[in-house]
Amino acid sequence: MTHELSKNIEAFAESIQWFGQSSIKIQHAGRSIYIDPFNLKKDDVADVIFITHPHFDHYSEKDLKMILSSDTVMFCPNELVESSKQFGIEKVYGVGPGFESEWKGIGIKTVPAYNVLKTDKHPKEKGWVGYVLTFGHVKLYHAGDTERIPEMKDLDCDIVMLPLGQTYTMESVADAAAAVMDTTASIAIPIHFGMYEGKAQDAEQFKTLLSGKIEVKIPVMS
């Protein structure tokens, strides 16, 4: 990796806003991109929204209404397509694992997201997803709600955002750290802690476990 590309990846990671749980916002090429909008503090206009699965803290009608316009585009699991049309948006695309597309120059790939042990939380058969989004030369993997799954070993990404869990997602912080090492990421950002599962100390433990291996950026909630 060139020094310049490394700097670009670093700057991109620093620019991601985190609102708690798996809710993030990315500004890219003058567009506002949201994944699992939740716990938002102010109205905005989203150009595109990516939803990983239907749980209330990932598919929040209250938060969606704060950022939707008639021009907003949404990618969501197939089961949410019809309910999403109630918001008056015309372009809602259903996705499942293995989906590939592009939107306004952003590459889109979906990855399975499911529990291996806590199978009642996020069953594999539901077809819920994480996203690998390509922004120019930077690939971001947002894992959604998942445990460490075999599919992570096939992932090519620069930045990985994944849950620390222990109640609904990862079995342990050590599992989350191991999942990072399954990918090609050079930067890891822990999410899905500090509200309904996990605590701030877990993020510090995660960083310690990956020290000397992967750069960890612990996000501050916006």
Protein backbone atom coordinates (compact mmCIF):
# COMPACT_ATOMS: atom_id res chain seq x y z
CA MET A 1 0.00 0.00 0.00
CA THR A 2 1.37 3.41 -0.93
CA HIS A 3 1.80 6.11 1.69
CA GLU A 4 -0.74 8.28 -0.12
CA LEU A 5 -3.39 5.54 -0.17
CA SER A 6 -2.75 4.83 3.50
CA LYS A 7 -3.33 8.52 4.27
CA ASN A 8 -6.56 8.48 2.27
CA ILE A 9 -7.85 5.46 4.19
CA GLU A 10 -6.93 7.09 7.48
CA ALA A 11 -8.68 10.36 6.56
CA PHE A 12 -11.77 8.48 5.42
CA ALA A 13 -11.96 6.54 8.68
CA GLU A 14 -11.62 9.76 10.68
CA SER A 15 -14.49 11.37 8.77
CA ILE A 16 -17.12 8.70 9.62
CA GLN A 17 -19.76 9.90 12.07
CA TRP A 18 -21.16 7.40 14.58
CA PHE A 19 -24.51 7.88 16.32
CA GLY A 20 -24.47 4.75 18.48
CA GLN A 21 -25.27 1.12 17.72
CA SER A 22 -24.46 0.58 14.03
CA SER A 23 -25.66 3.99 12.88
CA ILE A 24 -23.16 5.94 10.79
CA LYS A 25 -23.00 8.78 8.29
CA ILE A 26 -20.42 9.22 5.54
CA GLN A 27 -19.91 12.35 3.45
CA HIS A 28 -18.46 11.47 0.06
CA ALA A 29 -18.31 13.46 -3.16
CA GLY A 30 -20.88 15.90 -1.83
CA ARG A 31 -23.36 13.17 -0.91
CA SER A 32 -24.72 12.05 2.44
CA ILE A 33 -24.65 8.29 2.97
CA TYR A 34 -26.24 6.62 6.00
CA ILE A 35 -26.09 3.06 7.26
CA ASP A 36 -28.73 1.93 9.79
CA PRO A 37 -29.75 5.48 10.82
CA PHE A 38 -30.67 5.51 14.52
CA ASN A 39 -30.34 7.85 17.49
CA LEU A 40 -30.07 10.89 15.22
CA LYS A 41 -30.12 14.30 16.84
CA LYS A 42 -31.14 16.52 13.93
CA ASP A 43 -32.88 16.47 10.57
CA ASP A 44 -30.82 15.96 7.43
CA VAL A 45 -31.26 14.89 3.83
CA ALA A 46 -29.81 11.50 2.94
CA ASP A 47 -28.85 10.78 -0.64
CA VAL A 48 -28.65 7.05 -0.01
CA ILE A 49 -29.43 4.78 2.94
CA PHE A 50 -28.26 1.23 3.53
CA ILE A 51 -30.18 -0.97 5.99
CA THR A 52 -28.69 -4.19 7.34
CA HIS A 53 -31.78 -5.76 8.96
CA PRO A 54 -35.21 -4.90 10.43
CA HIS A 55 -34.48 -4.62 14.18
CA PHE A 56 -35.68 -1.32 15.67
CA ASP A 57 -32.19 0.08 16.24
CA HIS A 58 -31.20 -0.51 12.61
CA TYR A 59 -34.48 0.15 10.79
CA SER A 60 -35.95 3.03 12.79
CA GLU A 61 -38.96 4.71 11.20
CA LYS A 62 -38.54 7.73 13.47
CA ASP A 63 -34.95 8.26 12.36
CA LEU A 64 -35.63 7.48 8.72
CA LYS A 65 -38.30 10.19 8.61
CA MET A 66 -35.68 12.68 9.84
CA ILE A 67 -33.45 12.18 6.79
CA LEU A 68 -35.64 11.01 3.92
CA SER A 69 -36.57 13.03 0.86
CA SER A 70 -38.42 11.99 -2.28
CA ASP A 71 -35.03 11.65 -3.99
CA THR A 72 -33.44 9.42 -1.35
CA VAL A 73 -32.39 5.96 -2.53
CA MET A 74 -32.56 3.00 -0.14
CA PHE A 75 -30.98 -0.44 -0.17
CA CYS A 76 -32.50 -2.83 2.37
CA PRO A 77 -33.24 -6.53 2.94
CA ASN A 78 -35.98 -7.78 0.63
CA GLU A 79 -38.51 -8.10 3.46
CA LEU A 80 -38.36 -4.34 4.06
CA VAL A 81 -38.98 -3.14 0.51
CA GLU A 82 -42.76 -2.80 0.75
CA SER A 83 -42.77 -1.20 4.20
CA SER A 84 -40.12 1.30 3.06
CA LYS A 85 -42.26 2.51 0.19
CA GLN A 86 -44.69 3.99 2.71
CA PHE A 87 -42.19 6.81 3.20
CA GLY A 88 -42.83 8.07 -0.31
CA ILE A 89 -39.43 7.22 -1.74
CA GLU A 90 -39.51 5.74 -5.21
CA LYS A 91 -36.17 3.96 -5.36
CA VAL A 92 -36.03 1.13 -2.83
CA TYR A 93 -33.84 -1.83 -3.76
CA GLY A 94 -34.12 -5.18 -2.03
CA VAL A 95 -30.89 -6.99 -1.23
CA GLY A 96 -29.75 -10.32 0.14
CA PRO A 97 -26.31 -11.87 0.65
CA GLY A 98 -24.26 -11.80 -2.54
CA PHE A 99 -25.90 -8.69 -4.01
CA GLU A 100 -23.60 -6.50 -6.13
CA SER A 101 -24.33 -3.14 -7.70
CA GLU A 102 -23.16 0.44 -7.95
CA TRP A 103 -24.74 3.77 -7.07
CA LYS A 104 -23.27 7.11 -8.20
CA GLY A 105 -19.78 5.63 -8.37
CA ILE A 106 -20.01 3.79 -5.03
CA GLY A 107 -19.49 0.04 -5.35
CA ILE A 108 -21.96 -2.04 -3.33
CA LYS A 109 -21.54 -5.64 -2.20
CA THR A 110 -23.51 -7.40 0.49
CA VAL A 111 -22.12 -9.94 2.93
CA PRO A 112 -24.13 -12.34 5.11
CA ALA A 113 -24.68 -11.18 8.70
CA TYR A 114 -25.85 -13.77 11.21
CA ASN A 115 -25.25 -15.49 14.53
CA VAL A 116 -23.39 -18.78 14.71
CA LEU A 117 -24.13 -19.50 18.38
CA LYS A 118 -26.95 -17.12 19.36
CA THR A 119 -29.02 -18.23 16.40
CA ASP A 120 -32.28 -16.82 17.78
CA LYS A 121 -30.90 -13.26 17.49
CA HIS A 122 -29.94 -13.01 13.84
CA PRO A 123 -30.72 -16.32 12.09
CA LYS A 124 -28.77 -17.04 8.92
CA GLU A 125 -31.93 -18.02 7.05
CA LYS A 126 -33.27 -14.45 7.36
CA GLY A 127 -30.78 -13.31 4.72
CA TRP A 128 -29.73 -10.17 6.58
CA VAL A 129 -26.58 -8.39 5.47
CA GLY A 130 -23.49 -6.33 6.05
CA TYR A 131 -22.14 -4.07 3.30
CA VAL A 132 -18.80 -3.64 1.57
CA LEU A 133 -18.92 -0.17 0.03
CA THR A 134 -16.17 1.02 -2.29
CA PHE A 135 -15.45 4.75 -2.32
CA GLY A 136 -12.78 5.26 -4.95
CA HIS A 137 -9.76 3.39 -3.58
CA VAL A 138 -11.23 2.92 -0.09
CA LYS A 139 -13.27 -0.17 0.80
CA LEU A 140 -15.42 -0.02 3.93
CA TYR A 141 -16.94 -3.16 5.45
CA HIS A 142 -19.87 -2.46 7.76
CA ALA A 143 -20.63 -5.84 9.26
CA GLY A 144 -24.17 -5.23 10.53
CA ASP A 145 -25.30 -7.42 13.43
CA THR A 146 -23.24 -10.58 13.20
CA GLU A 147 -20.98 -12.97 15.00
CA ARG A 148 -17.61 -14.00 13.59
CA ILE A 149 -18.60 -15.88 10.45
CA PRO A 150 -16.54 -17.88 7.92
CA GLU A 151 -17.43 -15.47 5.11
CA MET A 152 -15.22 -12.80 6.71
CA LYS A 153 -12.13 -14.69 5.57
CA ASP A 154 -13.02 -13.93 1.95
CA LEU A 155 -13.41 -10.19 2.53
CA ASP A 156 -11.24 -7.56 0.92
CA CYS A 157 -11.56 -4.24 2.75
CA ASP A 158 -9.50 -1.37 4.12
CA ILE A 159 -11.74 -0.37 7.03
CA VAL A 160 -13.91 -2.73 9.07
CA MET A 161 -16.71 -1.59 11.37
CA LEU A 162 -18.10 -4.41 13.45
CA PRO A 163 -20.06 -4.98 16.65
CA LEU A 164 -18.41 -5.79 19.96
CA GLY A 165 -21.57 -7.42 21.19
CA GLN A 166 -21.65 -10.26 23.74
CA THR A 167 -25.44 -10.15 24.10
CA TYR A 168 -26.83 -9.97 20.56
CA THR A 169 -23.81 -10.08 18.26
CA MET A 170 -20.22 -11.22 18.90
CA GLU A 171 -19.73 -13.89 21.54
CA SER A 172 -16.83 -11.95 23.07
CA VAL A 173 -14.55 -8.97 22.48
CA ALA A 174 -11.83 -11.48 21.60
CA ASP A 175 -14.09 -12.90 18.88
CA ALA A 176 -14.58 -9.40 17.47
CA ALA A 177 -10.81 -8.88 17.40
CA ALA A 178 -10.32 -12.26 15.70
CA ALA A 179 -12.95 -11.31 13.12
CA VAL A 180 -10.94 -8.22 12.22
CA MET A 181 -7.89 -10.41 11.58
CA ASP A 182 -9.98 -12.56 9.24
CA THR A 183 -10.29 -9.57 6.90
CA THR A 184 -7.66 -7.56 5.03
CA ALA A 185 -8.53 -4.33 6.89
CA SER A 186 -5.80 -1.97 8.05
CA ILE A 187 -8.18 0.02 10.29
CA ALA A 188 -10.88 -1.33 12.63
CA ILE A 189 -13.67 0.73 14.16
CA PRO A 190 -15.75 -0.92 16.91
CA ILE A 191 -19.50 -0.18 16.95
CA HIS A 192 -22.66 -1.56 18.59
CA PHE A 193 -21.49 -1.01 22.16
CA GLY A 194 -22.44 1.37 24.95
CA MET A 195 -26.23 1.37 24.53
CA TYR A 196 -27.94 -2.03 24.66
CA GLU A 197 -24.91 -4.26 24.91
CA GLY A 198 -21.26 -3.83 25.71
CA LYS A 199 -19.53 -0.91 27.40
CA ALA A 200 -16.78 1.62 26.73
CA GLN A 201 -14.18 -0.61 28.38
CA ASP A 202 -14.89 -3.26 25.75
CA ALA A 203 -13.68 -0.91 23.03
CA GLU A 204 -10.46 -0.35 24.95
CA GLN A 205 -10.00 -4.11 25.34
CA PHE A 206 -10.63 -4.52 21.61
CA LYS A 207 -7.92 -1.96 20.88
CA THR A 208 -5.48 -3.68 23.23
CA LEU A 209 -6.09 -7.09 21.64
CA LEU A 210 -5.29 -5.67 18.20
CA SER A 211 -2.35 -3.54 19.29
CA GLY A 212 0.60 -3.93 16.94
CA LYS A 213 -1.58 -5.71 14.36
CA ILE A 214 -4.37 -3.38 13.22
CA GLU A 215 -4.96 0.31 13.87
CA VAL A 216 -8.11 0.73 15.99
CA LYS A 217 -10.08 3.96 16.02
CA ILE A 218 -12.60 4.09 18.85
CA PRO A 219 -15.45 6.33 17.69
CA VAL A 220 -16.99 9.11 19.75
CA MET A 221 -20.77 9.18 19.55
CA SER A 222 -22.12 12.18 17.60
